[in-house]
Amino acid sequence: MAGDSGKRLPVGPVLAWVATRVLLLLYVFKVLSLSPLDVTTDVSVIYHGWYEVLKTGAFPHHDVTWQYPPAAALAVLSPAMLPFLDYATAFFWLACAADLVAFALLLRGSRGEGRRQAGAYVWVLGVPLLGPTAYARYDVMVTAVAVAALLATVRRPRVAGALIAFGAMLKVWPVLLLTGVRDRRIWAAAVAGAGVLALGFWLWMPGAFAFLRFQGERGTEVESLGSLVFHIARHHGWQGQVQLNYGSMEFLGPHVGLVSNIALGLTIAAFSWLLLWRLRARTYGPQTPFDAAFTAVLLFTTTSRVISPQYMIWLIGLAAVCLTLRASVMALPAVLVLAATVLTLYEFPVRFADVVGSTDLGITLLLLRNGLLVAASVIACRRLWVASARLPSRPRTAPETRLPERDQDTEKLLTW
C-alpha cells in the first residue's frame, strides 16, 4: 500500500495548477483584463506574421524583430497542428499544453528518496505570477524543454544532451544547462544534436542565422539593470529618448552604447566566474547540475542588456527543477525570483507606462525587481561555490576504530 500511495496523483498541486491555469486562459482570451496594454498582440500580430513567412519555407530574415535561432520556427509554426482554431487561440492552448508537460515532469521528478514536491509548487505558483505574458510568448515551450533536459540528466544522459541541443536551437539560453554537467555522454549528444539541427536548418531554409546580426545591434532595454542609469538621468537633463527598437522599448541617445558595453562586460565577468567555479569545483552531487544551470541563467538574465518579462519563466522553471531535490541550496534564490516575478507583472503590463515614462513609481518598481535579481544572483553564486567548490573538510580526529593489540600500545605511547 505504501508503494501504491507513493504513486498516487498529488491532489493539492493538481488542483492548484488547474485553478491558476483557468485564470491565465481567461486573461489571454480577454475574458478578464489586467491593464489596457494587450500583451497578446505579439502572438496575433507578430508571431502570426512570421508564421505566414515561415510557411513559404524561408525565415523572416529581413525583419529585424526576428532575433531567434532557427528552431524557433517550429514554435511559431506549431499552431498549424490545430487547423480548426485561429492562430492565436491555437498558440495559447499549445502554450498551456507545454505548461502542463513541465508540471507533469516536475511532479514525476519529485518522487523518490531525497526528493520533494516543492519544485512542482514553484512552477504552479510562479507561472501565473507573470500574468498573461506567460502564455503570450513561446518561452514557456522552451522552458518545458529545459525542464525535461535537466531532469533527464539523472538517468538518460543522451536524451538530456539531445534536449539541451534542441532547447539551444529554440532560444540559445538552454545551452547554459551544460554549466554543471560532467557526463561526457550529455556533452557529446548536445554537440552532435546542435550540429545536426544547425546544418539541417541551414540547408533547408535560407536566413536561418540572420538573427545573430540583429541581436548584436540591440541597445539597452527599458527594463534592464543598465536602464536604471537613464531612468534616473532623465530627471537630471539627459538628452535621450525611449522608442521601439528591434522589437522592444529601448533607450537611444548619449552614452547608451557605453552602458550596453558595460552590461556586456558584466555578462563576460559572470561567465568567467562560472568557468572559475567549474575549474575549482570538487564536490558534486545530484543537485549540482540543477543548481549550476539555475545560477548560470540567473546571471545571464540579470546582466543582460534586455530583461523582457517572459525571461522570468526561464528562472521559474529552473528554480522548480532545483527544488525537486532536498539537497539543493537554491531555496532562497528561488523565493527571491518569485518575488521578482510579482514585481515584473506589476511593471509589465500593469504600470508599463510608468516604466517607459521614467516616473518615480516606474523607477521604484525597476529598482526593487532588478535589486531582487541581483540579490538572488549573489546568493546563488555564493551558495553554489560553498556547496561544491570546496573540498569537504577533514575531521580533526580520526573516527574511533579498534586497533590491533600492538598498535594499541603504540597509540598509548604516542598519546603519552
Protein backbone atom coordinates (compact mmCIF):
# COMPACT_ATOMS: atom_id res chain seq x y z
CA MET A 1 0.00 0.00 0.00
CA ALA A 2 2.88 2.35 0.74
CA GLY A 3 4.20 1.87 -2.75
CA ASP A 4 0.75 2.49 -4.21
CA SER A 5 0.25 5.64 -2.17
CA GLY A 6 3.62 6.95 -3.36
CA LYS A 7 2.33 6.72 -6.95
CA ARG A 8 -0.98 8.46 -6.36
CA LEU A 9 -1.55 11.75 -8.14
CA PRO A 10 -0.98 14.56 -5.60
CA VAL A 11 -4.33 16.32 -5.41
CA GLY A 12 -3.12 19.64 -3.97
CA PRO A 13 -0.67 20.64 -6.73
CA VAL A 14 -3.01 19.38 -9.45
CA LEU A 15 -5.97 21.41 -8.22
CA ALA A 16 -3.78 24.47 -7.82
CA TRP A 17 -2.45 24.04 -11.38
CA VAL A 18 -5.95 23.71 -12.83
CA ALA A 19 -7.31 26.74 -10.97
CA THR A 20 -4.42 29.04 -11.84
CA ARG A 21 -4.30 27.95 -15.49
CA VAL A 22 -8.01 28.56 -15.96
CA LEU A 23 -7.32 32.08 -14.71
CA LEU A 24 -4.43 32.51 -17.15
CA LEU A 25 -6.56 31.33 -20.06
CA LEU A 26 -9.31 33.77 -19.10
CA TYR A 27 -6.74 36.57 -19.33
CA VAL A 28 -5.25 35.60 -22.70
CA PHE A 29 -8.71 35.07 -24.16
CA LYS A 30 -9.61 38.55 -22.84
CA VAL A 31 -12.48 37.45 -20.62
CA LEU A 32 -10.56 39.18 -17.81
CA SER A 33 -8.17 42.12 -18.09
CA LEU A 34 -5.24 43.34 -16.02
CA SER A 35 -4.41 46.52 -17.87
CA PRO A 36 -5.21 48.46 -21.06
CA LEU A 37 -1.99 47.10 -22.60
CA ASP A 38 -2.78 43.97 -24.62
CA VAL A 39 0.17 41.59 -24.29
CA THR A 40 -1.37 39.04 -26.67
CA THR A 41 -0.71 41.13 -29.80
CA ASP A 42 2.76 39.60 -30.04
CA VAL A 43 1.01 36.34 -30.89
CA SER A 44 -1.89 37.58 -33.01
CA VAL A 45 0.18 40.09 -34.99
CA ILE A 46 3.96 39.45 -34.80
CA TYR A 47 4.03 35.66 -34.45
CA HIS A 48 1.23 35.30 -36.98
CA GLY A 49 3.14 37.46 -39.44
CA TRP A 50 6.24 35.30 -39.04
CA TYR A 51 4.04 32.22 -39.43
CA GLU A 52 2.91 33.37 -42.86
CA VAL A 53 6.54 33.84 -43.97
CA LEU A 54 7.79 30.59 -42.45
CA LYS A 55 5.08 28.63 -44.24
CA THR A 56 6.81 29.54 -47.51
CA GLY A 57 9.98 27.75 -46.42
CA ALA A 58 12.08 30.83 -45.57
CA PHE A 59 12.92 32.73 -42.42
CA PRO A 60 11.77 36.35 -41.96
CA HIS A 61 15.42 37.40 -42.23
CA HIS A 62 14.54 40.90 -43.44
CA ASP A 63 12.53 41.55 -40.24
CA VAL A 64 14.81 42.99 -37.54
CA THR A 65 12.43 41.77 -34.84
CA TRP A 66 13.24 38.15 -35.76
CA GLN A 67 16.04 37.53 -33.25
CA TYR A 68 15.69 33.85 -32.55
CA PRO A 69 17.68 30.74 -33.51
CA PRO A 70 16.26 28.56 -36.29
CA ALA A 71 14.28 26.02 -34.25
CA ALA A 72 12.09 28.90 -33.03
CA ALA A 73 10.37 28.44 -36.37
CA LEU A 74 8.87 25.21 -35.01
CA ALA A 75 7.29 27.05 -32.09
CA VAL A 76 5.88 29.74 -34.38
CA LEU A 77 4.57 27.13 -36.81
CA SER A 78 3.14 24.88 -34.08
CA PRO A 79 -0.44 26.28 -34.24
CA ALA A 80 -0.71 24.56 -37.63
CA MET A 81 -1.21 21.37 -35.59
CA LEU A 82 -4.63 22.74 -34.62
CA PRO A 83 -6.01 23.87 -38.01
CA PHE A 84 -9.58 24.05 -36.67
CA LEU A 85 -8.61 27.03 -34.46
CA ASP A 86 -7.43 30.50 -35.37
CA TYR A 87 -3.70 31.13 -34.94
CA ALA A 88 -3.75 32.94 -31.58
CA THR A 89 -6.23 30.55 -29.97
CA ALA A 90 -4.20 27.53 -31.07
CA PHE A 91 -0.99 29.11 -29.77
CA PHE A 92 -2.48 29.78 -26.32
CA TRP A 93 -3.70 26.20 -25.98
CA LEU A 94 -0.31 24.84 -27.06
CA ALA A 95 1.40 27.11 -24.51
CA CYS A 96 -0.92 25.68 -21.86
CA ALA A 97 -0.05 22.16 -23.04
CA ALA A 98 3.68 22.90 -22.69
CA ASP A 99 2.98 24.25 -19.21
CA LEU A 100 1.20 21.01 -18.35
CA VAL A 101 4.09 18.90 -19.64
CA ALA A 102 6.57 20.81 -17.46
CA PHE A 103 4.27 20.43 -14.46
CA ALA A 104 3.88 16.67 -15.02
CA LEU A 105 7.65 16.25 -15.35
CA LEU A 106 8.24 18.16 -12.12
CA LEU A 107 5.66 16.03 -10.30
CA ARG A 108 7.34 12.89 -11.54
CA GLY A 109 10.74 14.28 -10.60
CA SER A 110 9.52 14.89 -7.04
CA ARG A 111 9.12 11.15 -6.34
CA GLY A 112 11.77 9.12 -4.64
CA GLU A 113 14.26 9.35 -1.84
CA GLY A 114 15.75 12.79 -1.32
CA ARG A 115 13.08 14.46 -3.43
CA ARG A 116 10.16 16.77 -2.65
CA GLN A 117 7.14 18.48 -4.22
CA ALA A 118 8.46 22.00 -3.59
CA GLY A 119 9.63 22.21 -7.20
CA ALA A 120 6.18 21.44 -8.57
CA TYR A 121 4.69 24.12 -6.31
CA VAL A 122 7.24 26.69 -7.51
CA TRP A 123 6.08 26.05 -11.08
CA VAL A 124 2.38 26.00 -10.17
CA LEU A 125 2.60 29.35 -8.35
CA GLY A 126 5.36 31.02 -10.33
CA VAL A 127 3.98 30.87 -13.87
CA PRO A 128 0.67 32.65 -13.15
CA LEU A 129 2.53 35.34 -11.20
CA LEU A 130 3.70 36.60 -14.60
CA GLY A 131 0.13 37.04 -15.78
CA PRO A 132 -0.99 36.60 -19.41
CA THR A 133 2.55 37.18 -20.69
CA ALA A 134 3.30 33.58 -19.64
CA TYR A 135 1.09 32.23 -22.44
CA ALA A 136 1.59 35.10 -24.89
CA ARG A 137 5.23 34.21 -25.64
CA TYR A 138 6.81 30.93 -26.69
CA ASP A 139 9.20 30.92 -23.70
CA VAL A 140 7.00 28.51 -21.75
CA MET A 141 7.60 25.97 -24.54
CA VAL A 142 11.36 26.47 -24.36
CA THR A 143 11.30 26.19 -20.58
CA ALA A 144 9.39 22.91 -20.77
CA VAL A 145 12.18 21.52 -22.95
CA ALA A 146 14.79 22.80 -20.47
CA VAL A 147 12.96 21.22 -17.53
CA ALA A 148 12.81 17.89 -19.38
CA ALA A 149 16.50 18.14 -20.26
CA LEU A 150 17.68 18.79 -16.71
CA LEU A 151 15.53 16.07 -15.19
CA ALA A 152 16.80 13.62 -17.83
CA THR A 153 20.45 14.20 -16.81
CA VAL A 154 19.94 11.82 -13.89
CA ARG A 155 19.07 8.65 -15.82
CA ARG A 156 19.01 9.42 -19.56
CA PRO A 157 22.17 11.37 -20.40
CA ARG A 158 21.92 11.10 -24.18
CA VAL A 159 18.30 12.21 -24.14
CA ALA A 160 19.31 15.12 -21.91
CA GLY A 161 22.04 16.16 -24.36
CA ALA A 162 19.67 16.00 -27.32
CA LEU A 163 17.07 18.09 -25.47
CA ILE A 164 19.69 20.68 -24.49
CA ALA A 165 20.70 20.95 -28.16
CA PHE A 166 17.07 21.36 -29.22
CA GLY A 167 16.45 23.95 -26.49
CA ALA A 168 19.53 25.94 -27.54
CA MET A 169 18.23 25.96 -31.11
CA LEU A 170 14.90 27.24 -29.80
CA LYS A 171 16.26 30.18 -27.78
CA VAL A 172 20.02 29.87 -27.11
CA TRP A 173 19.93 30.12 -23.29
CA PRO A 174 19.35 26.36 -22.67
CA VAL A 175 22.99 25.83 -23.68
CA LEU A 176 23.75 27.11 -20.16
CA LEU A 177 22.26 23.90 -18.78
CA LEU A 178 25.65 22.34 -19.55
CA THR A 179 27.34 24.56 -16.93
CA GLY A 180 27.39 21.94 -14.18
CA VAL A 181 27.33 18.81 -16.37
CA ARG A 182 30.34 16.47 -16.22
CA ASP A 183 28.90 13.46 -18.05
CA ARG A 184 30.64 13.27 -21.42
CA ARG A 185 27.67 11.48 -22.94
CA ILE A 186 25.50 14.55 -22.33
CA TRP A 187 28.10 16.87 -23.86
CA ALA A 188 28.56 14.61 -26.88
CA ALA A 189 24.83 14.31 -27.51
CA ALA A 190 24.38 18.08 -27.12
CA VAL A 191 27.19 18.95 -29.53
CA ALA A 192 26.10 16.36 -32.08
CA GLY A 193 22.45 17.35 -31.81
CA ALA A 194 23.18 21.05 -32.21
CA GLY A 195 25.38 20.35 -35.22
CA VAL A 196 22.74 18.25 -36.95
CA LEU A 197 19.99 20.80 -36.28
CA ALA A 198 22.11 23.76 -37.39
CA LEU A 199 23.15 22.03 -40.61
CA GLY A 200 19.59 20.93 -41.31
CA PHE A 201 18.13 24.42 -40.92
CA TRP A 202 20.99 25.99 -42.87
CA LEU A 203 20.34 23.66 -45.82
CA TRP A 204 16.57 23.68 -45.53
CA MET A 205 15.65 27.33 -45.01
CA PRO A 206 17.56 30.46 -46.08
CA GLY A 207 18.30 33.11 -43.46
CA ALA A 208 18.44 30.65 -40.56
CA PHE A 209 21.20 32.57 -38.75
CA ALA A 210 20.31 36.16 -39.65
CA PHE A 211 19.19 36.59 -36.04
CA LEU A 212 22.83 36.84 -34.93
CA ARG A 213 23.26 40.17 -36.72
CA PHE A 214 20.07 41.65 -35.26
CA GLN A 215 20.94 40.55 -31.71
CA GLY A 216 24.30 42.30 -31.92
CA GLU A 217 22.67 45.62 -32.82
CA ARG A 218 20.35 45.84 -29.82
CA GLY A 219 20.67 48.60 -27.23
CA THR A 220 19.64 48.99 -23.59
CA GLU A 221 16.06 47.92 -22.99
CA VAL A 222 13.98 49.98 -20.54
CA GLU A 223 13.54 47.14 -18.01
CA SER A 224 17.17 46.05 -17.81
CA LEU A 225 19.58 46.67 -14.97
CA GLY A 226 21.56 49.19 -17.04
CA SER A 227 18.42 51.12 -17.94
CA LEU A 228 18.23 52.47 -14.39
CA VAL A 229 21.12 54.81 -15.27
CA PHE A 230 19.00 56.50 -17.92
CA HIS A 231 15.73 56.40 -15.98
CA ILE A 232 17.42 58.45 -13.27
CA ALA A 233 19.43 60.56 -15.74
CA ARG A 234 16.19 61.68 -17.45
CA HIS A 235 15.36 63.56 -14.25
CA HIS A 236 18.69 65.38 -14.47
CA GLY A 237 18.66 66.64 -18.02
CA TRP A 238 19.82 63.62 -20.03
CA GLN A 239 19.01 64.25 -23.67
CA GLY A 240 17.80 60.91 -24.92
CA GLN A 241 14.58 59.09 -25.66
CA VAL A 242 12.72 55.82 -25.40
CA GLN A 243 11.47 54.24 -28.59
CA LEU A 244 10.61 50.90 -30.13
CA ASN A 245 13.88 49.45 -31.40
CA TYR A 246 14.44 45.87 -32.62
CA GLY A 247 11.14 44.77 -31.16
CA SER A 248 11.40 46.26 -27.66
CA MET A 249 11.33 49.62 -25.92
CA GLU A 250 14.94 50.80 -25.65
CA PHE A 251 16.85 53.89 -24.64
CA LEU A 252 18.50 55.77 -27.51
CA GLY A 253 20.84 58.69 -27.04
CA PRO A 254 24.14 59.77 -25.45
CA HIS A 255 26.15 57.10 -23.59
CA VAL A 256 23.69 54.27 -24.35
CA GLY A 257 26.43 52.39 -26.18
CA LEU A 258 28.73 52.73 -23.17
CA VAL A 259 26.16 51.32 -20.76
CA SER A 260 25.36 48.48 -23.18
CA ASN A 261 29.06 47.62 -23.34
CA ILE A 262 29.31 47.65 -19.55
CA ALA A 263 26.36 45.24 -19.40
CA LEU A 264 28.16 43.00 -21.89
CA GLY A 265 31.27 43.23 -19.71
CA LEU A 266 29.27 42.15 -16.68
CA THR A 267 27.96 39.15 -18.60
CA ILE A 268 31.51 38.19 -19.58
CA ALA A 269 32.61 38.60 -15.95
CA ALA A 270 29.72 36.37 -14.82
CA PHE A 271 30.68 33.67 -17.29
CA SER A 272 34.31 33.97 -16.20
CA TRP A 273 33.20 33.34 -12.62
CA LEU A 274 31.25 30.29 -13.77
CA LEU A 275 34.35 28.98 -15.54
CA LEU A 276 36.40 29.53 -12.38
CA TRP A 277 33.76 27.72 -10.34
CA ARG A 278 33.82 24.85 -12.82
CA LEU A 279 37.60 24.56 -12.59
CA ARG A 280 37.59 24.71 -8.78
CA ALA A 281 34.55 22.52 -8.16
CA ARG A 282 35.43 19.38 -6.24
CA THR A 283 32.25 18.15 -4.57
CA TYR A 284 29.46 17.14 -6.96
CA GLY A 285 26.06 15.79 -6.05
CA PRO A 286 22.85 15.01 -7.97
CA GLN A 287 21.74 18.60 -7.33
CA THR A 288 24.90 20.26 -8.71
CA PRO A 289 23.88 20.32 -12.41
CA PHE A 290 20.49 21.75 -11.41
CA ASP A 291 21.90 24.43 -9.13
CA ALA A 292 24.63 25.38 -11.60
CA ALA A 293 22.17 25.72 -14.50
CA PHE A 294 19.86 27.93 -12.44
CA THR A 295 22.78 30.11 -11.32
CA ALA A 296 24.12 30.46 -14.87
CA VAL A 297 20.78 31.51 -16.36
CA LEU A 298 20.13 33.84 -13.42
CA LEU A 299 23.47 35.58 -14.03
CA PHE A 300 22.81 35.79 -17.76
CA THR A 301 19.34 37.29 -17.20
CA THR A 302 20.42 39.81 -14.58
CA THR A 303 23.37 41.19 -16.55
CA SER A 304 21.65 41.20 -19.93
CA ARG A 305 21.01 44.39 -21.90
CA VAL A 306 17.44 43.16 -22.19
CA ILE A 307 15.29 41.75 -19.37
CA SER A 308 11.97 41.01 -21.03
CA PRO A 309 9.17 39.92 -18.67
CA GLN A 310 8.99 36.43 -20.17
CA TYR A 311 12.60 35.77 -19.10
CA MET A 312 11.23 35.14 -15.63
CA ILE A 313 9.65 31.93 -16.94
CA TRP A 314 13.15 30.54 -17.52
CA LEU A 315 14.15 31.23 -13.94
CA ILE A 316 10.93 29.83 -12.51
CA GLY A 317 11.36 26.60 -14.46
CA LEU A 318 14.97 26.07 -13.42
CA ALA A 319 14.26 27.03 -9.82
CA ALA A 320 11.47 24.46 -9.82
CA VAL A 321 13.86 21.75 -11.04
CA CYS A 322 16.35 22.65 -8.29
CA LEU A 323 13.73 22.37 -5.57
CA THR A 324 12.70 18.85 -6.58
CA LEU A 325 15.83 17.80 -4.66
CA ARG A 326 16.18 18.32 -0.92
CA ALA A 327 19.94 18.74 -1.31
CA SER A 328 19.58 21.84 -3.49
CA VAL A 329 20.92 25.06 -1.96
CA MET A 330 18.80 27.34 -4.16
CA ALA A 331 15.69 27.71 -1.99
CA LEU A 332 16.30 31.36 -1.05
CA PRO A 333 17.25 32.49 -4.60
CA ALA A 334 14.10 30.72 -5.83
CA VAL A 335 11.95 32.68 -3.37
CA LEU A 336 13.62 35.92 -4.49
CA VAL A 337 12.87 35.04 -8.12
CA LEU A 338 9.20 34.50 -7.26
CA ALA A 339 9.11 37.91 -5.56
CA ALA A 340 10.78 39.47 -8.61
CA THR A 341 8.14 37.85 -10.82
CA VAL A 342 5.35 39.54 -8.86
CA LEU A 343 7.02 42.92 -9.40
CA THR A 344 7.57 42.07 -13.07
CA LEU A 345 3.83 41.61 -13.53
CA TYR A 346 3.20 44.95 -11.87
CA GLU A 347 5.74 46.81 -14.03
CA PHE A 348 4.61 44.98 -17.20
CA PRO A 349 1.91 45.26 -18.27
CA VAL A 350 0.11 46.93 -15.35
CA ARG A 351 2.36 50.01 -14.92
CA PHE A 352 4.44 49.86 -18.08
CA ALA A 353 3.55 53.44 -18.94
CA ASP A 354 5.29 54.50 -15.72
CA VAL A 355 8.36 52.47 -16.67
CA VAL A 356 8.54 53.98 -20.17
CA GLY A 357 7.93 57.43 -18.74
CA SER A 358 10.57 57.02 -16.00
CA THR A 359 8.14 58.12 -13.31
CA ASP A 360 9.01 57.72 -9.64
CA LEU A 361 6.77 54.66 -9.46
CA GLY A 362 8.31 53.12 -12.56
CA ILE A 363 11.86 53.66 -11.28
CA THR A 364 10.95 52.25 -7.85
CA LEU A 365 9.47 49.11 -9.43
CA LEU A 366 12.59 48.53 -11.51
CA LEU A 367 14.89 49.18 -8.56
CA LEU A 368 13.03 46.60 -6.49
CA ARG A 369 12.68 43.98 -9.24
CA ASN A 370 16.24 44.28 -10.51
CA GLY A 371 17.53 44.54 -6.95
CA LEU A 372 15.90 41.19 -6.17
CA LEU A 373 17.52 39.64 -9.24
CA VAL A 374 20.94 40.98 -8.21
CA ALA A 375 20.46 39.66 -4.66
CA ALA A 376 19.34 36.27 -5.98
CA SER A 377 22.39 36.14 -8.27
CA VAL A 378 24.87 36.94 -5.50
CA ILE A 379 23.31 34.46 -3.07
CA ALA A 380 23.10 31.73 -5.72
CA CYS A 381 26.77 32.21 -6.63
CA ARG A 382 27.89 32.08 -3.03
CA ARG A 383 25.81 29.00 -2.23
CA LEU A 384 26.95 27.17 -5.34
CA TRP A 385 30.58 27.92 -4.52
CA VAL A 386 30.32 26.87 -0.88
CA ALA A 387 28.38 23.72 -1.74
CA SER A 388 30.62 22.41 -4.48
CA ALA A 389 33.85 24.33 -4.98
CA ARG A 390 35.48 23.42 -1.68
CA LEU A 391 36.77 20.05 -0.66
CA PRO A 392 34.91 18.53 2.29
CA SER A 393 36.78 19.45 5.46
CA ARG A 394 38.59 16.57 7.09
CA PRO A 395 37.69 15.78 10.69
CA ARG A 396 40.31 16.85 13.19
CA THR A 397 40.21 13.48 14.93
CA ALA A 398 40.07 10.17 13.18
CA PRO A 399 36.98 8.07 13.75
CA GLU A 400 37.21 5.56 16.51
CA THR A 401 38.43 2.19 15.27
CA ARG A 402 39.55 -0.98 17.00
CA LEU A 403 43.32 -1.20 16.59
CA PRO A 404 45.33 -4.43 16.76
CA GLU A 405 46.78 -5.07 20.23
CA ARG A 406 50.35 -3.98 19.44
CA ASP A 407 49.05 -0.88 17.65
CA GLN A 408 47.05 -0.01 20.78
CA ASP A 409 50.28 0.02 22.76
CA THR A 410 51.90 2.30 20.19
CA GLU A 411 48.85 4.61 20.29
CA LYS A 412 49.10 4.84 24.11
CA LEU A 413 52.76 5.72 23.85
CA LEU A 414 52.09 8.47 21.29
CA THR A 415 49.24 9.86 23.39
CA TRP A 416 51.51 9.93 26.41
